[in-house]
Amino acid sequence: MYETDVVVVGAGASGIGAALTLVDAEQRVVLLEKGEKIGGAGMFGAQGLFAVESKLQKQAGINYSVKDAYQDLVDYAHYRVDLKTVKNIVELSASTIDWLQSHGLETELVNNTQEVHQKNPKTYHQYIDKYAGFSRLIEHFKKHQGILLTEAAGKKILTDDDGKVKGIQILHHGKKEEVLCKAVVVADGGFIGNQQLVREHLKINYENLYSMGERKATGDGLKMLESIGADTNQVHLFENHAASVVSEHDPKWHNDSIFSLTNIPLLWINAAGQRFTNEDICYDFALWGNVTYKTGGFYYYLLDDELVSYLSTNSLNWTDSFERTFKTLEHKPMTYKVGPFSNLKADLAETIEQGVGWTANSITNLAKKISVSGETLKNTLERYNNLIKRGEDTDFYKSKEFMKFSLEHGPFYAIKARSTSLGTLGGVLVNEDFDVLDRKGTIIKGVFAVGNTASTNMFSDSYPTIEGLSCAFAWNSGRIAGKSAIKFVHKA
C-alpha cells in the first residue's frame, strides 16, 4: 500500500503536466499509467502544441496576442464556452513552452502544418526529440520523489463518511490495491477506447468511425467520478480529423497511392450518391473531419479510367493535404505535387480486395455496387462534369484550380473514406480551476479532472481549426489542476 498527497490517474500530457507541477512544489505524488508506456495521445498522437506570445513567437516577430487567440476561440464557439477557462488556457500557454523546456521537452516554432493555415500567425510549437523529451519529463518526476506505477489503472475513488477523499482503489498488474491520498487528479484521456460509450454518444453508425485515439482511454475516470456524484452529463464530442480509407479485413493495411488520393480534392459523393461539399475542404483537417461526420461518417471519392491513366503517368500540381505535416517533421521542403502513381490500377485493385473499393464499366453498375440510386449518381456526374467544363463550381465553390477532371469514361472507381477521430472531447463538469463539480455545480473537494476527461469548456460543438489546441489544453489544464491540488492539500 502506498500513502501520498496526490494520485494522478493517467500519464499522458495532462497527467504529466499535473504530476510535474505537484512534485516541483514538493508534494508527494503517485502517477498511475494504465499501460506499460507513458505519454498517451499527448506523445503518440501529437507532434506539438498551440501557444501564443511565447518567446519563440516574439523572436520571430509574430504579432498574435492572447487577446487575439481568445477572441478567435470564443467567436468560433459562438460564446458557448467557459470564457474564464479559455482565457486561462491561452494566457498560460506561452509559459508552458518554457516550462516544458525547463523539464526536458523542447519545442520549435514551425509553420502551421496545414496548407490553408499558412497565412495564419504561427502558433504551432513542434516537439523536438519527442520520445527522449518525454522520458526526461518522467526522469525529472522521479528525481523529485514522484512514484510512477505502470500497468496501474484507477478504479474507485475512496471517500470517508463525510465525502472527503481518503484514497483510490487501483488495479496494479491485475491485482487490486489501495493508495491512500488527500486528492486525486483524473487525467485518463476520455473514452475513445470504450466501444460501448462511443456507440452511445456517436451520431453516426459506429462501423463508419475510424479511431486513431488512445485505446487505453476507456472511460474509467468518468465512471469513478460519476460514482462520487460528479456531473458527467456533459456534451461529449469527437475530435473529428480528416477521413481515412480503412480496410474491412486488415487494420494494418496501408497503400501510399490510395492515401494520397484520399488527401486531394477529387469528386466526393455521399451515401445518397450526391455531392455534398467543396472537396478542397481536405486542406483543413478539422473542417474535413466535421463535414465527413455530418454526412453520415463516410463518403466515396470517384475516378474514371481517363483520370487513372493520367495519374499513372503524370504528376499533379496539387498538394497532398498531409504533405506539409510530414515535411515539417522531417524539416524538408514541400513538393506541392502528387504522383505519378505507376501502379495505380493494381493499387485500386487492392482497395477492392480490402472491401473499400468498387469498380464498374458504367455509372449505373457502379451505383448498384455501392447501393445508391443509379439515376441520382448519373445526375451527380452530369452536373459535376458540366461545372468542370465551365471551370467554376457554382454549387459549393471549390477552388478553380481543382476543377480540372471530368469523369466520363469507364471503368469507374469508387473508394470509401471514413470519419476519423483522434479522441473524445468533453467529460466531467469542472470549473476554471479544474475542480470537479457535482450536478448542483458544487465543488467535490479534493477531486480534479483534466485533459479529455474534463468537460473542456473550450469547445462548443466541434474542435476548432487552430492546430495543437487539444494538446495545449492537456498540458495547461494539467498545470492548472496541479496548482489547484497544491492549494487544496495545504488546506487539508
Protein backbone atom coordinates (compact mmCIF):
# COMPACT_ATOMS: atom_id res chain seq x y z
CA MET A 1 0.00 0.00 0.00
CA TYR A 2 1.19 3.50 -0.88
CA GLU A 3 0.47 6.69 1.04
CA THR A 4 0.86 10.00 -0.74
CA ASP A 5 -0.55 13.52 -1.06
CA VAL A 6 -1.99 13.28 -4.56
CA VAL A 7 -2.68 10.48 -7.01
CA VAL A 8 -2.68 11.42 -10.71
CA VAL A 9 -4.57 8.94 -12.88
CA GLY A 10 -3.07 8.80 -16.37
CA ALA A 11 0.45 9.58 -17.60
CA GLY A 12 -0.38 11.42 -20.82
CA ALA A 13 0.26 15.13 -21.36
CA SER A 14 -2.36 16.36 -18.88
CA GLY A 15 -1.37 13.85 -16.19
CA ILE A 16 2.33 14.55 -16.57
CA GLY A 17 1.58 18.27 -16.52
CA ALA A 18 -0.22 17.90 -13.19
CA ALA A 19 2.32 15.48 -11.71
CA LEU A 20 5.34 17.66 -12.50
CA THR A 21 3.63 20.75 -11.12
CA LEU A 22 2.96 18.88 -7.89
CA VAL A 23 6.43 17.43 -7.36
CA ASP A 24 8.00 20.81 -8.12
CA ALA A 25 6.04 22.07 -5.11
CA GLU A 26 7.43 19.19 -3.04
CA GLN A 27 4.16 17.30 -2.91
CA ARG A 28 4.22 13.52 -2.70
CA VAL A 29 2.71 12.14 -5.89
CA VAL A 30 1.83 8.73 -7.27
CA LEU A 31 1.33 8.78 -11.05
CA LEU A 32 -0.66 5.90 -12.50
CA GLU A 33 -0.24 4.67 -16.06
CA LYS A 34 -2.69 2.06 -17.30
CA GLY A 35 -0.31 0.66 -19.90
CA GLU A 36 3.36 -0.19 -19.98
CA LYS A 37 4.42 3.11 -21.59
CA ILE A 38 3.84 6.71 -20.59
CA GLY A 39 2.85 9.51 -22.96
CA GLY A 40 -0.66 8.67 -24.15
CA ALA A 41 -2.17 10.66 -27.01
CA GLY A 42 -0.10 13.68 -25.99
CA MET A 43 3.01 11.81 -27.12
CA PHE A 44 1.97 9.06 -29.52
CA GLY A 45 -0.77 11.04 -31.25
CA ALA A 46 0.59 14.59 -31.16
CA GLN A 47 3.64 16.29 -32.61
CA GLY A 48 3.33 19.59 -30.77
CA LEU A 49 1.03 22.11 -29.18
CA PHE A 50 -0.51 25.54 -29.57
CA ALA A 51 0.84 28.56 -27.72
CA VAL A 52 0.59 32.30 -28.10
CA GLU A 53 3.01 35.09 -27.11
CA SER A 54 5.82 32.60 -26.50
CA LYS A 55 9.46 33.72 -26.58
CA LEU A 56 9.87 31.88 -29.87
CA GLN A 57 6.96 33.81 -31.40
CA LYS A 58 8.28 37.14 -30.13
CA GLN A 59 11.72 36.37 -31.55
CA ALA A 60 10.09 35.57 -34.89
CA GLY A 61 8.08 38.80 -34.85
CA ILE A 62 4.71 37.02 -34.72
CA ASN A 63 2.04 39.60 -33.99
CA TYR A 64 -0.70 37.46 -32.45
CA SER A 65 -1.75 38.22 -28.89
CA VAL A 66 -3.52 36.41 -26.07
CA LYS A 67 -6.48 38.67 -26.77
CA ASP A 68 -6.47 37.72 -30.47
CA ALA A 69 -6.39 33.99 -29.70
CA TYR A 70 -9.04 34.31 -27.01
CA GLN A 71 -11.35 36.18 -29.35
CA ASP A 72 -10.82 33.70 -32.19
CA LEU A 73 -11.67 30.78 -29.91
CA VAL A 74 -14.78 32.23 -28.32
CA ASP A 75 -16.04 33.53 -31.65
CA TYR A 76 -15.60 30.08 -33.22
CA ALA A 77 -17.61 28.59 -30.35
CA HIS A 78 -20.27 31.34 -30.51
CA TYR A 79 -19.54 32.07 -26.84
CA ARG A 80 -20.92 28.67 -25.83
CA VAL A 81 -17.84 28.01 -23.74
CA ASP A 82 -16.49 28.95 -20.32
CA LEU A 83 -14.78 32.25 -21.01
CA LYS A 84 -12.55 32.12 -17.93
CA THR A 85 -11.23 28.71 -18.90
CA VAL A 86 -10.45 29.81 -22.44
CA LYS A 87 -8.63 32.89 -21.17
CA ASN A 88 -6.70 30.93 -18.53
CA ILE A 89 -5.53 28.31 -21.01
CA VAL A 90 -4.46 30.87 -23.61
CA GLU A 91 -2.72 33.07 -21.02
CA LEU A 92 -0.74 30.15 -19.62
CA SER A 93 0.22 28.69 -23.00
CA ALA A 94 3.41 30.71 -23.55
CA SER A 95 4.85 29.92 -20.14
CA THR A 96 4.11 26.24 -20.75
CA ILE A 97 6.55 26.22 -23.66
CA ASP A 98 9.29 27.49 -21.35
CA TRP A 99 8.12 25.16 -18.59
CA LEU A 100 8.32 22.11 -20.85
CA GLN A 101 11.82 23.07 -21.94
CA SER A 102 12.95 23.51 -18.35
CA HIS A 103 11.73 20.00 -17.61
CA GLY A 104 13.38 18.41 -20.64
CA LEU A 105 10.97 18.66 -23.58
CA GLU A 106 12.00 21.30 -26.11
CA THR A 107 9.86 22.67 -28.91
CA GLU A 108 10.43 24.70 -32.05
CA LEU A 109 8.11 27.22 -33.66
CA VAL A 110 7.20 25.92 -37.13
CA ASN A 111 4.86 26.87 -39.93
CA ASN A 112 1.32 25.76 -39.28
CA THR A 113 1.20 22.23 -40.65
CA GLN A 114 -1.98 22.51 -42.72
CA GLU A 115 -1.98 24.13 -46.13
CA VAL A 116 -4.85 26.58 -45.63
CA HIS A 117 -3.33 27.88 -42.39
CA GLN A 118 -0.14 29.23 -43.95
CA LYS A 119 -1.34 32.84 -43.85
CA ASN A 120 -2.37 32.50 -40.21
CA PRO A 121 0.03 33.54 -37.43
CA LYS A 122 2.45 30.81 -36.40
CA THR A 123 1.20 29.23 -33.18
CA TYR A 124 2.33 25.61 -33.55
CA HIS A 125 5.23 24.56 -31.34
CA GLN A 126 6.55 21.23 -32.57
CA TYR A 127 8.26 18.84 -30.20
CA ILE A 128 12.00 18.35 -30.63
CA ASP A 129 13.23 14.80 -29.98
CA LYS A 130 9.78 13.91 -28.68
CA TYR A 131 10.29 10.48 -27.15
CA ALA A 132 13.54 11.39 -25.43
CA GLY A 133 11.89 14.59 -24.21
CA PHE A 134 9.01 12.74 -22.59
CA SER A 135 11.50 10.38 -20.97
CA ARG A 136 13.29 13.37 -19.47
CA LEU A 137 10.00 14.65 -18.05
CA ILE A 138 9.49 11.37 -16.24
CA GLU A 139 13.11 11.33 -15.07
CA HIS A 140 12.51 14.77 -13.54
CA PHE A 141 9.35 13.48 -11.88
CA LYS A 142 11.16 10.51 -10.35
CA LYS A 143 14.16 12.61 -9.33
CA HIS A 144 11.78 14.74 -7.28
CA GLN A 145 10.49 11.67 -5.44
CA GLY A 146 7.48 11.07 -7.67
CA ILE A 147 6.35 7.45 -7.91
CA LEU A 148 5.31 6.08 -11.31
CA LEU A 149 3.23 2.89 -11.36
CA THR A 150 2.75 1.34 -14.80
CA GLU A 151 0.06 -1.20 -15.66
CA ALA A 152 -1.92 0.53 -12.92
CA ALA A 153 -5.48 1.72 -13.59
CA GLY A 154 -7.65 3.80 -11.29
CA LYS A 155 -10.88 2.01 -10.41
CA LYS A 156 -12.58 3.76 -7.49
CA ILE A 157 -12.08 6.99 -5.56
CA LEU A 158 -12.37 6.22 -1.85
CA THR A 159 -14.08 8.68 0.46
CA ASP A 160 -14.95 8.76 4.15
CA ASP A 161 -18.42 9.23 5.63
CA ASP A 162 -18.17 12.99 5.09
CA GLY A 163 -17.31 12.58 1.43
CA LYS A 164 -13.67 13.52 1.96
CA VAL A 165 -11.14 11.83 -0.31
CA LYS A 166 -9.09 9.25 1.53
CA GLY A 167 -7.59 7.23 -1.30
CA ILE A 168 -8.08 5.41 -4.55
CA GLN A 169 -8.52 1.79 -5.43
CA ILE A 170 -6.36 0.68 -8.33
CA LEU A 171 -5.77 -2.40 -10.44
CA HIS A 172 -2.00 -2.86 -10.47
CA HIS A 173 -0.57 -5.72 -12.53
CA GLY A 174 -4.00 -7.35 -12.33
CA LYS A 175 -4.31 -7.10 -8.54
CA LYS A 176 -6.48 -4.75 -6.51
CA GLU A 177 -4.54 -2.32 -4.34
CA GLU A 178 -5.24 0.90 -2.47
CA VAL A 179 -3.31 4.14 -2.45
CA LEU A 180 -4.06 6.50 0.43
CA CYS A 181 -4.14 10.15 -0.57
CA LYS A 182 -5.70 13.55 0.08
CA ALA A 183 -6.55 14.40 -3.53
CA VAL A 184 -6.98 12.80 -6.94
CA VAL A 185 -6.37 14.27 -10.40
CA VAL A 186 -8.12 12.26 -13.11
CA ALA A 187 -6.30 12.52 -16.44
CA ASP A 188 -7.00 9.26 -18.22
CA GLY A 189 -7.92 10.62 -21.64
CA GLY A 190 -11.68 10.31 -22.11
CA PHE A 191 -13.38 7.24 -23.58
CA ILE A 192 -12.43 6.79 -27.25
CA GLY A 193 -11.24 3.26 -26.39
CA ASN A 194 -14.61 2.21 -24.96
CA GLN A 195 -16.77 0.82 -27.76
CA GLN A 196 -19.97 0.91 -25.72
CA LEU A 197 -19.59 4.54 -24.65
CA VAL A 198 -18.55 5.59 -28.15
CA ARG A 199 -21.67 3.96 -29.57
CA GLU A 200 -23.84 5.77 -27.01
CA HIS A 201 -22.55 9.22 -27.92
CA LEU A 202 -21.80 8.79 -31.61
CA LYS A 203 -24.21 10.42 -34.06
CA ILE A 204 -23.18 8.16 -36.93
CA ASN A 205 -23.03 4.41 -37.46
CA TYR A 206 -20.21 3.04 -35.32
CA GLU A 207 -18.92 1.00 -38.27
CA ASN A 208 -18.16 4.24 -40.11
CA LEU A 209 -15.83 5.58 -37.42
CA TYR A 210 -12.10 5.03 -37.64
CA SER A 211 -10.42 5.77 -34.34
CA MET A 212 -6.84 6.96 -34.17
CA GLY A 213 -7.25 7.69 -30.47
CA GLU A 214 -5.71 6.24 -27.33
CA ARG A 215 -7.13 2.73 -26.95
CA LYS A 216 -6.40 2.68 -23.22
CA ALA A 217 -8.78 5.63 -22.76
CA THR A 218 -11.85 3.58 -21.86
CA GLY A 219 -13.73 5.99 -19.63
CA ASP A 220 -12.53 4.59 -16.29
CA GLY A 221 -12.11 8.11 -14.95
CA LEU A 222 -15.63 9.13 -15.86
CA LYS A 223 -17.02 6.06 -14.12
CA MET A 224 -15.03 6.81 -10.97
CA LEU A 225 -16.14 10.41 -10.94
CA GLU A 226 -19.78 9.59 -11.61
CA SER A 227 -19.77 7.18 -8.66
CA ILE A 228 -18.89 10.04 -6.27
CA GLY A 229 -21.61 12.32 -7.63
CA ALA A 230 -19.77 14.24 -10.35
CA ASP A 231 -21.74 15.73 -13.22
CA THR A 232 -20.84 13.59 -16.22
CA ASN A 233 -23.96 14.65 -18.12
CA GLN A 234 -21.99 16.92 -20.44
CA VAL A 235 -21.77 17.21 -24.21
CA HIS A 236 -19.35 14.56 -25.45
CA LEU A 237 -17.71 15.45 -28.73
CA PHE A 238 -15.43 13.57 -31.09
CA GLU A 239 -12.24 15.15 -32.29
CA ASN A 240 -13.07 14.76 -35.97
CA HIS A 241 -9.93 14.76 -38.06
CA ALA A 242 -9.92 14.29 -41.82
CA ALA A 243 -11.11 10.98 -43.33
CA SER A 244 -9.36 7.66 -43.90
CA VAL A 245 -9.59 4.67 -46.23
CA VAL A 246 -9.56 1.72 -43.85
CA SER A 247 -9.56 -1.93 -44.85
CA GLU A 248 -12.52 -4.09 -43.90
CA HIS A 249 -10.17 -7.06 -43.45
CA ASP A 250 -6.74 -5.85 -42.36
CA PRO A 251 -6.43 -2.93 -39.88
CA LYS A 252 -2.73 -2.58 -40.73
CA TRP A 253 -3.32 -2.24 -44.47
CA HIS A 254 -1.90 0.92 -45.98
CA ASN A 255 -1.36 1.92 -49.59
CA ASP A 256 0.59 5.11 -50.33
CA SER A 257 -1.21 5.88 -53.60
CA ILE A 258 -4.66 5.48 -52.08
CA PHE A 259 -3.60 7.53 -49.05
CA SER A 260 -2.52 10.40 -51.32
CA LEU A 261 -5.65 10.25 -53.47
CA THR A 262 -7.77 10.49 -50.33
CA ASN A 263 -5.95 13.71 -49.46
CA ILE A 264 -6.71 15.69 -52.62
CA PRO A 265 -9.96 17.32 -53.79
CA LEU A 266 -11.36 14.77 -56.25
CA LEU A 267 -15.12 14.32 -56.61
CA TRP A 268 -16.78 13.13 -53.38
CA ILE A 269 -20.28 11.70 -53.06
CA ASN A 270 -22.32 10.75 -50.00
CA ALA A 271 -24.41 7.68 -49.23
CA ALA A 272 -27.19 9.01 -51.46
CA GLY A 273 -24.88 9.40 -54.46
CA GLN A 274 -24.86 13.19 -54.23
CA ARG A 275 -22.05 15.68 -53.99
CA PHE A 276 -22.12 17.37 -50.56
CA THR A 277 -19.19 19.79 -50.15
CA ASN A 278 -16.35 21.71 -51.74
CA GLU A 279 -13.76 18.96 -51.73
CA ASP A 280 -10.85 21.31 -51.14
CA ILE A 281 -12.03 21.28 -47.53
CA CYS A 282 -9.48 18.45 -47.28
CA TYR A 283 -6.84 21.12 -46.64
CA ASP A 284 -8.30 21.86 -43.21
CA PHE A 285 -8.35 18.65 -41.17
CA ALA A 286 -10.92 19.73 -38.57
CA LEU A 287 -13.42 21.01 -41.14
CA TRP A 288 -12.80 17.99 -43.36
CA GLY A 289 -13.50 15.78 -40.36
CA ASN A 290 -16.63 17.72 -39.49
CA VAL A 291 -18.16 17.54 -42.95
CA THR A 292 -17.43 13.80 -43.14
CA TYR A 293 -19.07 13.24 -39.77
CA LYS A 294 -22.05 15.41 -40.75
CA THR A 295 -22.67 13.47 -43.97
CA GLY A 296 -23.05 10.21 -42.06
CA GLY A 297 -19.46 9.28 -41.36
CA PHE A 298 -18.30 8.27 -44.82
CA TYR A 299 -18.22 9.20 -48.46
CA TYR A 300 -16.84 7.85 -51.72
CA TYR A 301 -14.35 9.58 -53.95
CA LEU A 302 -14.62 8.78 -57.64
CA LEU A 303 -12.22 8.25 -60.53
CA ASP A 304 -12.67 7.18 -64.12
CA ASP A 305 -10.32 5.34 -66.46
CA GLU A 306 -9.05 8.52 -68.08
CA LEU A 307 -8.11 10.03 -64.72
CA VAL A 308 -6.48 6.79 -63.60
CA SER A 309 -4.40 6.72 -66.78
CA TYR A 310 -3.39 10.34 -66.29
CA LEU A 311 -2.36 9.84 -62.67
CA SER A 312 -0.42 6.69 -63.58
CA THR A 313 1.97 8.61 -65.81
CA ASN A 314 1.79 12.25 -64.69
CA SER A 315 2.42 14.18 -61.52
CA LEU A 316 -0.36 16.51 -60.49
CA ASN A 317 0.40 20.01 -59.25
CA TRP A 318 -1.92 19.64 -56.29
CA THR A 319 -0.76 19.31 -52.71
CA ASP A 320 -1.32 16.16 -50.67
CA SER A 321 -3.07 17.66 -47.64
CA PHE A 322 -0.77 15.77 -45.25
CA GLU A 323 2.47 16.58 -47.07
CA ARG A 324 3.24 19.66 -45.00
CA THR A 325 2.70 17.75 -41.75
CA PHE A 326 5.28 15.14 -42.70
CA LYS A 327 7.70 17.57 -44.36
CA THR A 328 7.63 19.80 -41.28
CA LEU A 329 8.51 16.85 -39.07
CA GLU A 330 11.36 15.90 -41.40
CA HIS A 331 12.47 19.52 -41.94
CA LYS A 332 12.26 19.01 -45.69
CA PRO A 333 10.89 21.35 -48.40
CA MET A 334 7.45 20.93 -49.89
CA THR A 335 6.98 19.45 -53.37
CA TYR A 336 3.38 20.63 -53.96
CA LYS A 337 2.88 17.57 -56.17
CA VAL A 338 1.23 14.17 -56.08
CA GLY A 339 2.05 11.23 -58.30
CA PRO A 340 2.68 9.81 -60.71
CA PHE A 341 1.32 6.53 -59.34
CA SER A 342 2.83 3.98 -61.69
CA ASN A 343 0.96 1.03 -60.11
CA LEU A 344 -2.34 2.80 -59.64
CA LYS A 345 -4.51 0.16 -61.29
CA ALA A 346 -3.01 -2.51 -59.04
CA ASP A 347 -3.46 -0.20 -56.04
CA LEU A 348 -7.12 0.28 -56.90
CA ALA A 349 -7.48 -3.49 -57.23
CA GLU A 350 -6.13 -3.71 -53.68
CA THR A 351 -8.93 -1.50 -52.40
CA ILE A 352 -11.43 -3.91 -53.92
CA GLU A 353 -9.72 -6.84 -52.21
CA GLN A 354 -9.79 -4.93 -48.93
CA GLY A 355 -13.52 -4.21 -49.24
CA VAL A 356 -13.21 -0.42 -49.61
CA GLY A 357 -13.14 -0.05 -53.39
CA TRP A 358 -15.56 -0.81 -56.22
CA THR A 359 -15.33 -0.62 -59.98
CA ALA A 360 -17.75 -0.99 -62.89
CA ASN A 361 -17.81 -0.20 -66.58
CA SER A 362 -20.84 2.05 -66.25
CA ILE A 363 -22.12 4.57 -63.72
CA THR A 364 -25.32 2.57 -63.37
CA ASN A 365 -23.44 -0.59 -62.42
CA LEU A 366 -21.14 1.29 -60.06
CA ALA A 367 -24.22 2.76 -58.36
CA LYS A 368 -25.55 -0.75 -57.78
CA LYS A 369 -22.29 -1.87 -56.19
CA ILE A 370 -22.25 0.99 -53.70
CA SER A 371 -26.02 0.83 -53.12
CA VAL A 372 -27.02 4.25 -54.40
CA SER A 373 -29.60 5.30 -56.97
CA GLY A 374 -28.26 4.94 -60.48
CA GLU A 375 -30.26 7.93 -61.65
CA THR A 376 -29.03 10.08 -58.77
CA LEU A 377 -25.40 9.18 -59.38
CA LYS A 378 -25.76 9.76 -63.10
CA ASN A 379 -27.24 13.21 -62.44
CA THR A 380 -24.47 14.00 -59.96
CA LEU A 381 -21.77 13.21 -62.51
CA GLU A 382 -23.52 15.08 -65.29
CA ARG A 383 -23.81 18.15 -63.09
CA TYR A 384 -20.19 17.92 -61.94
CA ASN A 385 -18.88 17.37 -65.46
CA ASN A 386 -20.77 20.46 -66.65
CA LEU A 387 -19.22 22.50 -63.83
CA ILE A 388 -15.78 21.21 -64.84
CA LYS A 389 -16.33 22.31 -68.44
CA ARG A 390 -17.39 25.76 -67.22
CA GLY A 391 -14.36 25.85 -64.90
CA GLU A 392 -16.37 27.11 -61.95
CA ASP A 393 -18.02 25.35 -59.03
CA THR A 394 -21.22 27.31 -58.54
CA ASP A 395 -22.61 24.57 -56.28
CA PHE A 396 -20.03 24.50 -53.45
CA TYR A 397 -17.33 26.94 -54.64
CA LYS A 398 -14.40 24.57 -54.86
CA SER A 399 -11.31 26.47 -55.98
CA LYS A 400 -10.99 26.76 -59.75
CA GLU A 401 -7.57 25.11 -59.76
CA PHE A 402 -9.22 21.85 -58.72
CA MET A 403 -12.00 21.97 -61.31
CA LYS A 404 -9.90 20.02 -63.76
CA PHE A 405 -11.07 16.44 -64.26
CA SER A 406 -14.46 15.41 -65.58
CA LEU A 407 -15.47 11.78 -65.12
CA GLU A 408 -16.91 10.35 -68.32
CA HIS A 409 -15.02 7.22 -69.38
CA GLY A 410 -15.44 3.81 -67.77
CA PRO A 411 -14.40 1.84 -65.96
CA PHE A 412 -15.31 3.99 -62.98
CA TYR A 413 -13.99 3.59 -59.42
CA ALA A 414 -15.42 4.44 -56.01
CA ILE A 415 -13.24 4.42 -52.87
CA LYS A 416 -14.77 4.66 -49.41
CA ALA A 417 -13.33 7.14 -46.89
CA ARG A 418 -14.48 7.01 -43.26
CA SER A 419 -14.84 9.53 -40.48
CA THR A 420 -11.67 9.64 -38.39
CA SER A 421 -11.43 10.64 -34.73
CA LEU A 422 -8.38 11.46 -32.62
CA GLY A 423 -10.31 11.09 -29.38
CA THR A 424 -13.24 12.30 -27.34
CA LEU A 425 -13.68 15.87 -26.10
CA GLY A 426 -15.78 16.71 -23.09
CA GLY A 427 -16.22 14.69 -19.93
CA VAL A 428 -16.99 15.61 -16.36
CA LEU A 429 -18.05 19.15 -15.41
CA VAL A 430 -15.21 21.26 -13.99
CA ASN A 431 -14.65 24.90 -13.13
CA GLU A 432 -11.80 27.11 -14.33
CA ASP A 433 -9.52 25.64 -11.62
CA PHE A 434 -10.42 22.13 -12.82
CA ASP A 435 -12.17 21.20 -9.59
CA VAL A 436 -14.76 18.52 -10.37
CA LEU A 437 -18.34 19.68 -9.85
CA ASP A 438 -21.49 17.78 -8.93
CA ARG A 439 -24.84 18.27 -10.65
CA LYS A 440 -25.62 21.26 -8.47
CA GLY A 441 -22.40 22.94 -9.52
CA THR A 442 -20.79 22.37 -6.12
CA ILE A 443 -17.10 21.55 -5.89
CA ILE A 444 -16.27 17.97 -4.92
CA LYS A 445 -13.31 18.81 -2.73
CA GLY A 446 -10.00 17.16 -3.48
CA VAL A 447 -11.01 15.84 -6.90
CA PHE A 448 -9.80 17.34 -10.18
CA ALA A 449 -10.19 16.37 -13.84
CA VAL A 450 -8.06 17.46 -16.78
CA GLY A 451 -7.45 16.84 -20.47
CA ASN A 452 -10.06 14.81 -22.30
CA THR A 453 -11.57 13.63 -19.02
CA ALA A 454 -12.71 17.19 -18.30
CA SER A 455 -15.60 18.95 -19.93
CA THR A 456 -13.18 21.21 -21.74
CA ASN A 457 -15.24 24.39 -21.61
CA MET A 458 -13.21 25.44 -24.65
CA PHE A 459 -15.03 23.69 -27.47
CA SER A 460 -18.68 24.14 -28.32
CA ASP A 461 -19.97 21.77 -31.00
CA SER A 462 -16.69 20.88 -32.67
CA TYR A 463 -12.93 21.06 -32.41
CA PRO A 464 -11.60 24.46 -33.59
CA THR A 465 -9.26 24.74 -36.55
CA ILE A 466 -6.33 26.09 -34.50
CA GLU A 467 -3.61 23.43 -34.67
CA GLY A 468 -2.35 21.79 -31.48
CA LEU A 469 -5.15 23.11 -29.32
CA SER A 470 -6.27 19.87 -27.63
CA CYS A 471 -2.64 19.11 -26.74
CA ALA A 472 -2.24 22.63 -25.36
CA PHE A 473 -5.42 22.13 -23.35
CA ALA A 474 -3.99 18.91 -21.94
CA TRP A 475 -0.69 20.39 -20.77
CA ASN A 476 -2.20 23.60 -19.46
CA SER A 477 -5.19 22.05 -17.74
CA GLY A 478 -2.77 19.66 -16.04
CA ARG A 479 -0.64 22.53 -14.80
CA ILE A 480 -3.67 24.47 -13.55
CA ALA A 481 -5.12 21.44 -11.77
CA GLY A 482 -1.73 20.72 -10.24
CA LYS A 483 -1.66 24.20 -8.73
CA SER A 484 -5.24 23.79 -7.52
CA ALA A 485 -4.36 20.47 -5.88
CA ILE A 486 -1.37 22.05 -4.13
CA LYS A 487 -3.63 24.69 -2.58
CA PHE A 488 -6.11 22.03 -1.52
CA VAL A 489 -3.50 19.79 0.07
CA HIS A 490 -2.05 22.69 2.04
CA LYS A 491 -5.51 23.47 3.42
CA ALA A 492 -6.47 19.86 4.09
